[in-house]
Structure formats: C-alpha cells, structure tokens
C-alpha cells in the first residue's frame, strides 16, 4: 500500500520529466529534419503536428502537476507549492525551444553548415 502513495508523491515530478524527455526527442528530430532535402510543405506539416502533440503533452504534464500535487505527503506538498509558479515557465520555455527548432527545420535554416 505504501508504493501507491510513493507514486502519487512523485507523479507531478514524473510528469515534468516526461515532458522534458519529449522536448529533447522533438528537438533532436527537428535538428535531423534540417538536413532533409525535399518538399518543405511536408516538413511544415510534420513540424506543426509535432508541436501540437508537444503542446498537448505539456498541458497533460501541467494538469498532472496541478491535480496530483495536493494529494502528496505533507512535505512533498510544500515542495510542489514552492515550485508551482515556475512550472508553467519551465513548460513554456521548453515549448519555445521546440518551436524555434521547428521553425529552423521547416524553413531549412542553417542547412548550409
């Protein structure tokens, strides 16, 4: 029974780590797309789809943080309340990095290097 509470205690942190992993994978995919020669329209569609999926995962990560944090143990609740104002900034910052990488991939910017 104690393991269930451990999962609930760490669920907000797991959500943020999951989005960090998604962001890293998407940025790596966009970096690989920069080198692709071909139809830019298809690349733009792929970039928009990946950014839409990433935004959805970011919303899920924030919802997990907001919903599960109050149910954690008291010491963890204080920890999560301390960092609650920073979480949207963290998620938005990661999304902005992905968006810049996506624009670079869709436009072919830096392909010559």
PDB file of N, CA and C in Angstrom:
ATOM      1  N   UNK A   1       0.821  -1.192   0.000  1.00  0.00           N
ATOM      2  CA  UNK A   1       0.000   0.000   0.000  1.00  0.00           C
ATOM      3  C   UNK A   1       0.865   1.255   0.000  1.00  0.00           C
ATOM      4  N   UNK A   2       2.042   1.171   0.569  1.00  0.00           N
ATOM      5  CA  UNK A   2       2.922   2.323   0.614  1.00  0.00           C
ATOM      6  C   UNK A   2       3.434   2.728  -0.764  1.00  0.00           C
ATOM      7  N   UNK A   3       3.529   1.778  -1.688  1.00  0.00           N
ATOM      8  CA  UNK A   3       4.044   2.110  -3.011  1.00  0.00           C
ATOM      9  C   UNK A   3       3.066   2.983  -3.797  1.00  0.00           C
ATOM     10  N   UNK A   4       1.776   2.855  -3.547  1.00  0.00           N
ATOM     11  CA  UNK A   4       0.794   3.699  -4.223  1.00  0.00           C
ATOM     12  C   UNK A   4       1.008   5.153  -3.830  1.00  0.00           C
ATOM     13  N   UNK A   5       1.258   5.402  -2.558  1.00  0.00           N
ATOM     14  CA  UNK A   5       1.464   6.769  -2.112  1.00  0.00           C
ATOM     15  C   UNK A   5       2.785   7.328  -2.634  1.00  0.00           C
ATOM     16  N   UNK A   6       3.772   6.482  -2.810  1.00  0.00           N
ATOM     17  CA  UNK A   6       5.037   6.924  -3.377  1.00  0.00           C
ATOM     18  C   UNK A   6       4.837   7.368  -4.823  1.00  0.00           C
ATOM     19  N   UNK A   7       4.029   6.638  -5.562  1.00  0.00           N
ATOM     20  CA  UNK A   7       3.756   7.015  -6.946  1.00  0.00           C
ATOM     21  C   UNK A   7       3.006   8.342  -6.984  1.00  0.00           C
ATOM     22  N   UNK A   8       2.023   8.519  -6.115  1.00  0.00           N
ATOM     23  CA  UNK A   8       1.277   9.774  -6.081  1.00  0.00           C
ATOM     24  C   UNK A   8       2.189  10.918  -5.659  1.00  0.00           C
ATOM     25  N   UNK A   9       3.098  10.667  -4.730  1.00  0.00           N
ATOM     26  CA  UNK A   9       4.022  11.714  -4.294  1.00  0.00           C
ATOM     27  C   UNK A   9       4.910  12.188  -5.432  1.00  0.00           C
ATOM     28  N   UNK A  10       5.326  11.286  -6.279  1.00  0.00           N
ATOM     29  CA  UNK A  10       6.268  11.632  -7.340  1.00  0.00           C
ATOM     30  C   UNK A  10       5.603  11.897  -8.688  1.00  0.00           C
ATOM     31  N   UNK A  11       4.296  11.725  -8.795  1.00  0.00           N
ATOM     32  CA  UNK A  11       3.605  11.877 -10.070  1.00  0.00           C
ATOM     33  C   UNK A  11       3.804  13.254 -10.714  1.00  0.00           C
ATOM     34  N   UNK A  12       3.726  14.362  -9.972  1.00  0.00           N
ATOM     35  CA  UNK A  12       3.991  15.656 -10.613  1.00  0.00           C
ATOM     36  C   UNK A  12       5.408  15.765 -11.177  1.00  0.00           C
ATOM     37  N   UNK A  13       6.377  15.242 -10.460  1.00  0.00           N
ATOM     38  CA  UNK A  13       7.759  15.270 -10.953  1.00  0.00           C
ATOM     39  C   UNK A  13       7.912  14.360 -12.166  1.00  0.00           C
ATOM     40  N   UNK A  14       7.243  13.209 -12.162  1.00  0.00           N
ATOM     41  CA  UNK A  14       7.300  12.309 -13.311  1.00  0.00           C
ATOM     42  C   UNK A  14       6.689  12.964 -14.547  1.00  0.00           C
ATOM     43  N   UNK A  15       5.619  13.728 -14.375  1.00  0.00           N
ATOM     44  CA  UNK A  15       5.013  14.433 -15.497  1.00  0.00           C
ATOM     45  C   UNK A  15       5.969  15.436 -16.111  1.00  0.00           C
ATOM     46  N   UNK A  16       6.678  16.190 -15.268  1.00  0.00           N
ATOM     47  CA  UNK A  16       7.647  17.168 -15.775  1.00  0.00           C
ATOM     48  C   UNK A  16       8.825  16.485 -16.458  1.00  0.00           C
ATOM     49  N   UNK A  17       9.294  15.393 -15.885  1.00  0.00           N
ATOM     50  CA  UNK A  17      10.393  14.659 -16.509  1.00  0.00           C
ATOM     51  C   UNK A  17       9.968  14.040 -17.837  1.00  0.00           C
ATOM     52  N   UNK A  18       8.725  13.571 -17.909  1.00  0.00           N
ATOM     53  CA  UNK A  18       8.207  13.026 -19.157  1.00  0.00           C
ATOM     54  C   UNK A  18       8.202  14.106 -20.236  1.00  0.00           C
ATOM     55  N   UNK A  19       7.756  15.315 -19.890  1.00  0.00           N
ATOM     56  CA  UNK A  19       7.736  16.372 -20.893  1.00  0.00           C
ATOM     57  C   UNK A  19       9.150  16.800 -21.278  1.00  0.00           C
ATOM     58  N   UNK A  20      10.061  16.791 -20.338  1.00  0.00           N
ATOM     59  CA  UNK A  20      11.451  17.095 -20.667  1.00  0.00           C
ATOM     60  C   UNK A  20      11.992  16.091 -21.674  1.00  0.00           C
ATOM     61  N   UNK A  21      11.690  14.818 -21.482  1.00  0.00           N
ATOM     62  CA  UNK A  21      12.121  13.781 -22.423  1.00  0.00           C
ATOM     63  C   UNK A  21      11.475  13.977 -23.790  1.00  0.00           C
ATOM     64  N   UNK A  22      10.191  14.297 -23.819  1.00  0.00           N
ATOM     65  CA  UNK A  22       9.500  14.551 -25.082  1.00  0.00           C
ATOM     66  C   UNK A  22      10.145  15.741 -25.794  1.00  0.00           C
ATOM     67  N   UNK A  23      10.442  16.807 -25.041  1.00  0.00           N
ATOM     68  CA  UNK A  23      11.041  18.007 -25.637  1.00  0.00           C
ATOM     69  C   UNK A  23      12.412  17.709 -26.232  1.00  0.00           C
ATOM     70  N   UNK A  24      13.206  16.941 -25.529  1.00  0.00           N
ATOM     71  CA  UNK A  24      14.534  16.585 -26.038  1.00  0.00           C
ATOM     72  C   UNK A  24      14.416  15.771 -27.321  1.00  0.00           C
ATOM     73  N   UNK A  25      13.509  14.795 -27.339  1.00  0.00           N
ATOM     74  CA  UNK A  25      13.332  13.970 -28.539  1.00  0.00           C
ATOM     75  C   UNK A  25      12.833  14.796 -29.718  1.00  0.00           C
ATOM     76  N   UNK A  26      11.935  15.741 -29.477  1.00  0.00           N
ATOM     77  CA  UNK A  26      11.415  16.555 -30.568  1.00  0.00           C
ATOM     78  C   UNK A  26      12.494  17.488 -31.104  1.00  0.00           C
ATOM     79  N   UNK A  27      13.280  18.083 -30.224  1.00  0.00           N
ATOM     80  CA  UNK A  27      14.360  18.959 -30.692  1.00  0.00           C
ATOM     81  C   UNK A  27      15.376  18.164 -31.518  1.00  0.00           C
ATOM     82  N   UNK A  28      15.698  16.970 -31.087  1.00  0.00           N
ATOM     83  CA  UNK A  28      16.618  16.120 -31.860  1.00  0.00           C
ATOM     84  C   UNK A  28      16.010  15.770 -33.217  1.00  0.00           C
ATOM     85  N   UNK A  29      14.720  15.482 -33.246  1.00  0.00           N
ATOM     86  CA  UNK A  29      14.056  15.184 -34.522  1.00  0.00           C
ATOM     87  C   UNK A  29      14.075  16.401 -35.438  1.00  0.00           C
ATOM     88  N   UNK A  30      13.846  17.578 -34.882  1.00  0.00           N
ATOM     89  CA  UNK A  30      13.881  18.791 -35.697  1.00  0.00           C
ATOM     90  C   UNK A  30      15.287  19.060 -36.222  1.00  0.00           C
ATOM     91  N   UNK A  31      16.273  18.815 -35.410  1.00  0.00           N
ATOM     92  CA  UNK A  31      17.655  19.000 -35.876  1.00  0.00           C
ATOM     93  C   UNK A  31      17.960  18.054 -37.037  1.00  0.00           C
ATOM     94  N   UNK A  32      17.431  16.843 -36.979  1.00  0.00           N
ATOM     95  CA  UNK A  32      17.625  15.902 -38.080  1.00  0.00           C
ATOM     96  C   UNK A  32      16.844  16.335 -39.319  1.00  0.00           C
ATOM     97  N   UNK A  33      15.703  16.984 -39.124  1.00  0.00           N
ATOM     98  CA  UNK A  33      14.882  17.431 -40.254  1.00  0.00           C
ATOM     99  C   UNK A  33      15.532  18.583 -41.019  1.00  0.00           C
ATOM    100  N   UNK A  34      16.410  19.320 -40.365  1.00  0.00           N
ATOM    101  CA  UNK A  34      17.072  20.436 -41.049  1.00  0.00           C
ATOM    102  C   UNK A  34      17.845  19.927 -42.254  1.00  0.00           C
ATOM    103  N   UNK A  35      18.419  18.753 -42.146  1.00  0.00           N
ATOM    104  CA  UNK A  35      19.267  18.204 -43.208  1.00  0.00           C
ATOM    105  C   UNK A  35      18.471  17.570 -44.348  1.00  0.00           C
ATOM    106  N   UNK A  36      17.171  17.437 -44.168  1.00  0.00           N
ATOM    107  CA  UNK A  36      16.353  16.772 -45.187  1.00  0.00           C
ATOM    108  C   UNK A  36      16.139  17.708 -46.369  1.00  0.00           C
ATOM    109  N   UNK A  37      16.464  17.215 -47.512  1.00  0.00           N
ATOM    110  CA  UNK A  37      16.185  17.940 -48.758  1.00  0.00           C
ATOM    111  C   UNK A  37      14.858  17.414 -49.277  1.00  0.00           C
ATOM    112  N   UNK A  38      14.024  18.297 -49.687  1.00  0.00           N
ATOM    113  CA  UNK A  38      12.762  17.820 -50.242  1.00  0.00           C
ATOM    114  C   UNK A  38      11.681  18.858 -50.111  1.00  0.00           C
ATOM    115  N   UNK A  39      10.477  18.383 -50.123  1.00  0.00           N
ATOM    116  CA  UNK A  39       9.318  19.251 -50.120  1.00  0.00           C
ATOM    117  C   UNK A  39       9.131  19.903 -48.749  1.00  0.00           C
ATOM    118  N   UNK A  40       9.205  21.208 -48.719  1.00  0.00           N
ATOM    119  CA  UNK A  40       9.088  21.967 -47.461  1.00  0.00           C
ATOM    120  C   UNK A  40       7.682  21.905 -46.903  1.00  0.00           C
ATOM    121  N   UNK A  41       6.676  21.735 -47.770  1.00  0.00           N
ATOM    122  CA  UNK A  41       5.297  21.688 -47.279  1.00  0.00           C
ATOM    123  C   UNK A  41       5.087  20.489 -46.354  1.00  0.00           C
ATOM    124  N   UNK A  42       5.625  19.347 -46.745  1.00  0.00           N
ATOM    125  CA  UNK A  42       5.502  18.154 -45.889  1.00  0.00           C
ATOM    126  C   UNK A  42       6.237  18.352 -44.571  1.00  0.00           C
ATOM    127  N   UNK A  43       7.405  18.983 -44.627  1.00  0.00           N
ATOM    128  CA  UNK A  43       8.143  19.239 -43.399  1.00  0.00           C
ATOM    129  C   UNK A  43       7.367  20.185 -42.486  1.00  0.00           C
ATOM    130  N   UNK A  44       6.721  21.187 -43.072  1.00  0.00           N
ATOM    131  CA  UNK A  44       5.932  22.116 -42.262  1.00  0.00           C
ATOM    132  C   UNK A  44       4.771  21.405 -41.589  1.00  0.00           C
ATOM    133  N   UNK A  45       4.115  20.524 -42.306  1.00  0.00           N
ATOM    134  CA  UNK A  45       3.011  19.766 -41.720  1.00  0.00           C
ATOM    135  C   UNK A  45       3.519  18.886 -40.581  1.00  0.00           C
ATOM    136  N   UNK A  46       4.658  18.251 -40.786  1.00  0.00           N
ATOM    137  CA  UNK A  46       5.233  17.406 -39.733  1.00  0.00           C
ATOM    138  C   UNK A  46       5.625  18.236 -38.517  1.00  0.00           C
ATOM    139  N   UNK A  47       6.189  19.412 -38.746  1.00  0.00           N
ATOM    140  CA  UNK A  47       6.583  20.281 -37.638  1.00  0.00           C
ATOM    141  C   UNK A  47       5.363  20.735 -36.855  1.00  0.00           C
ATOM    142  N   UNK A  48       4.324  21.149 -37.551  1.00  0.00           N
ATOM    143  CA  UNK A  48       3.104  21.607 -36.871  1.00  0.00           C
ATOM    144  C   UNK A  48       2.475  20.460 -36.083  1.00  0.00           C
ATOM    145  N   UNK A  49       2.440  19.267 -36.653  1.00  0.00           N
ATOM    146  CA  UNK A  49       1.874  18.115 -35.950  1.00  0.00           C
ATOM    147  C   UNK A  49       2.680  17.779 -34.702  1.00  0.00           C
ATOM    148  N   UNK A  50       4.009  17.815 -34.821  1.00  0.00           N
ATOM    149  CA  UNK A  50       4.837  17.504 -33.653  1.00  0.00           C
ATOM    150  C   UNK A  50       4.705  18.575 -32.578  1.00  0.00           C
ATOM    151  N   UNK A  51       4.601  19.835 -32.969  1.00  0.00           N
ATOM    152  CA  UNK A  51       4.427  20.897 -31.987  1.00  0.00           C
ATOM    153  C   UNK A  51       3.053  20.825 -31.326  1.00  0.00           C
ATOM    154  N   UNK A  52       2.031  20.447 -32.073  1.00  0.00           N
ATOM    155  CA  UNK A  52       0.697  20.281 -31.486  1.00  0.00           C
ATOM    156  C   UNK A  52       0.701  19.133 -30.470  1.00  0.00           C
ATOM    157  N   UNK A  53       1.343  18.029 -30.825  1.00  0.00           N
ATOM    158  CA  UNK A  53       1.459  16.915 -29.875  1.00  0.00           C
ATOM    159  C   UNK A  53       2.254  17.297 -28.644  1.00  0.00           C
ATOM    160  N   UNK A  54       3.292  18.074 -28.837  1.00  0.00           N
ATOM    161  CA  UNK A  54       4.105  18.518 -27.711  1.00  0.00           C
ATOM    162  C   UNK A  54       3.314  19.446 -26.789  1.00  0.00           C
ATOM    163  N   UNK A  55       2.521  20.331 -27.384  1.00  0.00           N
ATOM    164  CA  UNK A  55       1.692  21.225 -26.564  1.00  0.00           C
ATOM    165  C   UNK A  55       0.674  20.432 -25.763  1.00  0.00           C
ATOM    166  N   UNK A  56       0.124  19.381 -26.365  1.00  0.00           N
ATOM    167  CA  UNK A  56      -0.825  18.528 -25.651  1.00  0.00           C
ATOM    168  C   UNK A  56      -0.153  17.824 -24.468  1.00  0.00           C
ATOM    169  N   UNK A  57       1.046  17.316 -24.680  1.00  0.00           N
ATOM    170  CA  UNK A  57       1.787  16.656 -23.598  1.00  0.00           C
ATOM    171  C   UNK A  57       2.139  17.663 -22.498  1.00  0.00           C
ATOM    172  N   UNK A  58       2.458  18.893 -22.888  1.00  0.00           N
ATOM    173  CA  UNK A  58       2.749  19.931 -21.889  1.00  0.00           C
ATOM    174  C   UNK A  58       1.514  20.231 -21.043  1.00  0.00           C
ATOM    175  N   UNK A  59       0.364  20.307 -21.681  1.00  0.00           N
ATOM    176  CA  UNK A  59      -0.869  20.525 -20.925  1.00  0.00           C
ATOM    177  C   UNK A  59      -1.170  19.361 -19.985  1.00  0.00           C
ATOM    178  N   UNK A  60      -0.914  18.153 -20.448  1.00  0.00           N
ATOM    179  CA  UNK A  60      -1.103  16.988 -19.573  1.00  0.00           C
ATOM    180  C   UNK A  60      -0.130  17.006 -18.394  1.00  0.00           C
ATOM    181  N   UNK A  61       1.097  17.400 -18.649  1.00  0.00           N
ATOM    182  CA  UNK A  61       2.090  17.470 -17.571  1.00  0.00           C
ATOM    183  C   UNK A  61       1.681  18.513 -16.537  1.00  0.00           C
ATOM    184  N   UNK A  62       1.190  19.664 -16.994  1.00  0.00           N
ATOM    185  CA  UNK A  62       0.754  20.692 -16.054  1.00  0.00           C
ATOM    186  C   UNK A  62      -0.492  20.253 -15.302  1.00  0.00           C
ATOM    187  N   UNK A  63      -1.418  19.596 -16.001  1.00  0.00           N
ATOM    188  CA  UNK A  63      -2.618  19.103 -15.317  1.00  0.00           C
ATOM    189  C   UNK A  63      -2.257  18.056 -14.270  1.00  0.00           C
ATOM    190  N   UNK A  64      -1.322  17.188 -14.587  1.00  0.00           N
ATOM    191  CA  UNK A  64      -0.856  16.197 -13.619  1.00  0.00           C
ATOM    192  C   UNK A  64      -0.244  16.886 -12.412  1.00  0.00           C
ATOM    193  N   UNK A  65       0.550  17.912 -12.658  1.00  0.00           N
ATOM    194  CA  UNK A  65       1.175  18.648 -11.560  1.00  0.00           C
ATOM    195  C   UNK A  65       0.108  19.307 -10.690  1.00  0.00           C
ATOM    196  N   UNK A  66      -0.849  19.959 -11.311  1.00  0.00           N
ATOM    197  CA  UNK A  66      -1.862  20.692 -10.556  1.00  0.00           C
ATOM    198  C   UNK A  66      -2.820  19.771  -9.821  1.00  0.00           C
ATOM    199  N   UNK A  67      -3.129  18.612 -10.404  1.00  0.00           N
ATOM    200  CA  UNK A  67      -4.092  17.711  -9.790  1.00  0.00           C
ATOM    201  C   UNK A  67      -3.458  16.820  -8.729  1.00  0.00           C
ATOM    202  N   UNK A  68      -2.289  16.279  -9.000  1.00  0.00           N
ATOM    203  CA  UNK A  68      -1.693  15.301  -8.084  1.00  0.00           C
ATOM    204  C   UNK A  68      -0.915  15.933  -6.943  1.00  0.00           C
ATOM    205  N   UNK A  69      -0.448  17.152  -7.089  1.00  0.00           N
ATOM    206  CA  UNK A  69       0.382  17.769  -6.051  1.00  0.00           C
ATOM    207  C   UNK A  69      -0.331  17.896  -4.702  1.00  0.00           C
ATOM    208  N   UNK A  70      -1.596  18.278  -4.642  1.00  0.00           N
ATOM    209  CA  UNK A  70      -2.239  18.390  -3.316  1.00  0.00           C
ATOM    210  C   UNK A  70      -2.423  17.059  -2.590  1.00  0.00           C
ATOM    211  N   UNK A  71      -2.362  15.937  -3.303  1.00  0.00           N
ATOM    212  CA  UNK A  71      -2.575  14.635  -2.687  1.00  0.00           C
ATOM    213  C   UNK A  71      -1.281  13.967  -2.228  1.00  0.00           C
ATOM    214  N   UNK A  72      -0.174  14.636  -2.392  1.00  0.00           N
ATOM    215  CA  UNK A  72       1.108  14.080  -1.961  1.00  0.00           C
ATOM    216  C   UNK A  72       1.229  14.201  -0.439  1.00  0.00           C
ATOM    217  N   UNK A  73       2.267  13.613   0.104  1.00  0.00           N
ATOM    218  CA  UNK A  73       2.514  13.724   1.546  1.00  0.00           C
ATOM    219  C   UNK A  73       2.809  15.177   1.892  1.00  0.00           C
ATOM    220  N   UNK A  74       2.604  15.563   3.146  1.00  0.00           N
ATOM    221  CA  UNK A  74       2.734  16.982   3.514  1.00  0.00           C
ATOM    222  C   UNK A  74       4.069  17.623   3.159  1.00  0.00           C
ATOM    223  N   UNK A  75       5.173  16.908   3.331  1.00  0.00           N
ATOM    224  CA  UNK A  75       6.462  17.512   2.981  1.00  0.00           C
ATOM    225  C   UNK A  75       6.601  17.708   1.474  1.00  0.00           C
ATOM    226  N   UNK A  76       6.039  16.811   0.691  1.00  0.00           N
ATOM    227  CA  UNK A  76       6.083  16.958  -0.757  1.00  0.00           C
ATOM    228  C   UNK A  76       5.112  18.037  -1.241  1.00  0.00           C
ATOM    229  N   UNK A  77       3.983  18.193  -0.559  1.00  0.00           N
ATOM    230  CA  UNK A  77       3.032  19.235  -0.939  1.00  0.00           C
ATOM    231  C   UNK A  77       3.692  20.610  -0.812  1.00  0.00           C
ATOM    232  N   UNK A  78       4.448  20.814   0.260  1.00  0.00           N
ATOM    233  CA  UNK A  78       5.166  22.085   0.419  1.00  0.00           C
ATOM    234  C   UNK A  78       6.186  22.281  -0.701  1.00  0.00           C
ATOM    235  N   UNK A  79       6.863  21.218  -1.065  1.00  0.00           N
ATOM    236  CA  UNK A  79       7.836  21.281  -2.153  1.00  0.00           C
ATOM    237  C   UNK A  79       7.149  21.665  -3.466  1.00  0.00           C
ATOM    238  N   UNK A  80       6.039  21.016  -3.766  1.00  0.00           N
ATOM    239  CA  UNK A  80       5.340  21.290  -5.017  1.00  0.00           C
ATOM    240  C   UNK A  80       4.722  22.686  -5.017  1.00  0.00           C
ATOM    241  N   UNK A  81       4.235  23.159  -3.876  1.00  0.00           N
ATOM    242  CA  UNK A  81       3.701  24.532  -3.807  1.00  0.00           C
ATOM    243  C   UNK A  81       4.798  25.561  -4.025  1.00  0.00           C
ATOM    244  N   UNK A  82       5.993  25.266  -3.552  1.00  0.00           N
ATOM    245  CA  UNK A  82       7.103  26.196  -3.731  1.00  0.00           C
ATOM    246  C   UNK A  82       7.416  26.396  -5.206  1.00  0.00           C
ATOM    247  N   UNK A  83       7.393  25.329  -5.969  1.00  0.00           N
ATOM    248  CA  UNK A  83       7.778  25.401  -7.376  1.00  0.00           C
ATOM    249  C   UNK A  83       6.591  25.558  -8.324  1.00  0.00           C
ATOM    250  N   UNK A  84       5.381  25.670  -7.818  1.00  0.00           N
ATOM    251  CA  UNK A  84       4.218  25.780  -8.687  1.00  0.00           C
ATOM    252  C   UNK A  84       4.251  27.001  -9.606  1.00  0.00           C
ATOM    253  N   UNK A  85       4.718  28.183  -9.180  1.00  0.00           N
ATOM    254  CA  UNK A  85       4.772  29.304 -10.124  1.00  0.00           C
ATOM    255  C   UNK A  85       5.808  29.119 -11.243  1.00  0.00           C
ATOM    256  N   UNK A  86       6.797  28.284 -11.024  1.00  0.00           N
ATOM    257  CA  UNK A  86       7.866  28.102 -12.004  1.00  0.00           C
ATOM    258  C   UNK A  86       7.506  27.046 -13.052  1.00  0.00           C
ATOM    259  N   UNK A  87       6.604  26.158 -12.732  1.00  0.00           N
ATOM    260  CA  UNK A  87       6.269  25.059 -13.641  1.00  0.00           C
ATOM    261  C   UNK A  87       5.747  25.560 -14.990  1.00  0.00           C
ATOM    262  N   UNK A  88       4.799  26.512 -15.042  1.00  0.00           N
ATOM    263  CA  UNK A  88       4.378  26.989 -16.368  1.00  0.00           C
ATOM    264  C   UNK A  88       5.517  27.641 -17.153  1.00  0.00           C
ATOM    265  N   UNK A  89       6.412  28.319 -16.463  1.00  0.00           N
ATOM    266  CA  UNK A  89       7.566  28.919 -17.142  1.00  0.00           C
ATOM    267  C   UNK A  89       8.481  27.843 -17.715  1.00  0.00           C
ATOM    268  N   UNK A  90       8.693  26.778 -16.959  1.00  0.00           N
ATOM    269  CA  UNK A  90       9.514  25.656 -17.413  1.00  0.00           C
ATOM    270  C   UNK A  90       8.911  25.020 -18.664  1.00  0.00           C
ATOM    271  N   UNK A  91       7.605  24.740 -18.614  1.00  0.00           N
ATOM    272  CA  UNK A  91       6.938  24.106 -19.755  1.00  0.00           C
ATOM    273  C   UNK A  91       6.912  25.031 -20.965  1.00  0.00           C
ATOM    274  N   UNK A  92       6.656  26.313 -20.738  1.00  0.00           N
ATOM    275  CA  UNK A  92       6.636  27.273 -21.836  1.00  0.00           C
ATOM    276  C   UNK A  92       8.020  27.444 -22.451  1.00  0.00           C
ATOM    277  N   UNK A  93       9.040  27.478 -21.609  1.00  0.00           N
ATOM    278  CA  UNK A  93      10.413  27.596 -22.111  1.00  0.00           C
ATOM    279  C   UNK A  93      10.800  26.416 -22.979  1.00  0.00           C
ATOM    280  N   UNK A  94      10.466  25.212 -22.532  1.00  0.00           N
ATOM    281  CA  UNK A  94      10.767  24.031 -23.348  1.00  0.00           C
ATOM    282  C   UNK A  94      10.006  24.070 -24.664  1.00  0.00           C
ATOM    283  N   UNK A  95       8.753  24.511 -24.615  1.00  0.00           N
ATOM    284  CA  UNK A  95       7.977  24.587 -25.852  1.00  0.00           C
ATOM    285  C   UNK A  95       8.560  25.632 -26.803  1.00  0.00           C
ATOM    286  N   UNK A  96       9.033  26.741 -26.265  1.00  0.00           N
ATOM    287  CA  UNK A  96       9.642  27.773 -27.119  1.00  0.00           C
ATOM    288  C   UNK A  96      10.916  27.263 -27.795  1.00  0.00           C
ATOM    289  N   UNK A  97      11.714  26.508 -27.073  1.00  0.00           N
ATOM    290  CA  UNK A  97      12.918  25.918 -27.678  1.00  0.00           C
ATOM    291  C   UNK A  97      12.526  24.981 -28.816  1.00  0.00           C
ATOM    292  N   UNK A  98      11.466  24.199 -28.603  1.00  0.00           N
ATOM    293  CA  UNK A  98      11.000  23.304 -29.654  1.00  0.00           C
ATOM    294  C   UNK A  98      10.458  24.087 -30.846  1.00  0.00           C
ATOM    295  N   UNK A  99       9.746  25.172 -30.572  1.00  0.00           N
ATOM    296  CA  UNK A  99       9.182  25.971 -31.663  1.00  0.00           C
ATOM    297  C   UNK A  99      10.282  26.597 -32.513  1.00  0.00           C
ATOM    298  N   UNK A 100      11.327  27.096 -31.874  1.00  0.00           N
ATOM    299  CA  UNK A 100      12.444  27.675 -32.632  1.00  0.00           C
ATOM    300  C   UNK A 100      13.128  26.596 -33.465  1.00  0.00           C
ATOM    301  N   UNK A 101      13.325  25.432 -32.883  1.00  0.00           N
ATOM    302  CA  UNK A 101      13.922  24.327 -33.647  1.00  0.00           C
ATOM    303  C   UNK A 101      13.004  23.889 -34.778  1.00  0.00           C
ATOM    304  N   UNK A 102      11.701  23.908 -34.542  1.00  0.00           N
ATOM    305  CA  UNK A 102      10.740  23.546 -35.581  1.00  0.00           C
ATOM    306  C   UNK A 102      10.727  24.525 -36.733  1.00  0.00           C
ATOM    307  N   UNK A 103      10.807  25.820 -36.421  1.00  0.00           N
ATOM    308  CA  UNK A 103      10.873  26.829 -37.491  1.00  0.00           C
ATOM    309  C   UNK A 103      12.146  26.651 -38.301  1.00  0.00           C
ATOM    310  N   UNK A 104      13.247  26.375 -37.624  1.00  0.00           N
ATOM    311  CA  UNK A 104      14.505  26.141 -38.336  1.00  0.00           C
ATOM    312  C   UNK A 104      14.399  24.918 -39.242  1.00  0.00           C
ATOM    313  N   UNK A 105      13.720  23.888 -38.767  1.00  0.00           N
ATOM    314  CA  UNK A 105      13.568  22.678 -39.585  1.00  0.00           C
ATOM    315  C   UNK A 105      12.642  22.924 -40.760  1.00  0.00           C
ATOM    316  N   UNK A 106      11.561  23.665 -40.536  1.00  0.00           N
ATOM    317  CA  UNK A 106      10.582  23.883 -41.595  1.00  0.00           C
ATOM    318  C   UNK A 106      11.096  24.812 -42.683  1.00  0.00           C
ATOM    319  N   UNK A 107      11.954  25.740 -42.304  1.00  0.00           N
ATOM    320  CA  UNK A 107      12.450  26.701 -43.293  1.00  0.00           C
ATOM    321  C   UNK A 107      13.788  26.289 -43.887  1.00  0.00           C
ATOM    322  N   UNK A 108      14.428  25.299 -43.297  1.00  0.00           N
ATOM    323  CA  UNK A 108      15.729  24.874 -43.798  1.00  0.00           C
ATOM    324  C   UNK A 108      16.851  25.776 -43.349  1.00  0.00           C
ATOM    325  N   UNK A 109      16.605  26.569 -42.341  1.00  0.00           N
ATOM    326  CA  UNK A 109      17.615  27.494 -41.820  1.00  0.00           C
ATOM    327  C   UNK A 109      18.793  26.711 -41.264  1.00  0.00           C
ATOM    328  N   UNK A 110      19.996  27.185 -41.522  1.00  0.00           N
ATOM    329  CA  UNK A 110      21.251  26.570 -41.084  1.00  0.00           C
ATOM    330  C   UNK A 110      21.555  25.275 -41.814  1.00  0.00           C
ATOM    331  N   UNK A 111      20.967  25.039 -42.953  1.00  0.00           N
ATOM    332  CA  UNK A 111      21.246  23.811 -43.688  1.00  0.00           C
ATOM    333  C   UNK A 111      22.644  23.823 -44.269  1.00  0.00           C
ATOM    334  N   UNK A 112      23.150  25.002 -44.582  1.00  0.00           N
ATOM    335  CA  UNK A 112      24.456  25.093 -45.220  1.00  0.00           C
ATOM    336  C   UNK A 112      25.616  24.737 -44.317  1.00  0.00           C
ATOM    337  N   UNK A 113      25.421  24.725 -43.021  1.00  0.00           N
ATOM    338  CA  UNK A 113      26.520  24.459 -42.084  1.00  0.00           C
ATOM    339  C   UNK A 113      26.767  22.995 -41.877  1.00  0.00           C
TER     340      UNK A 113
END
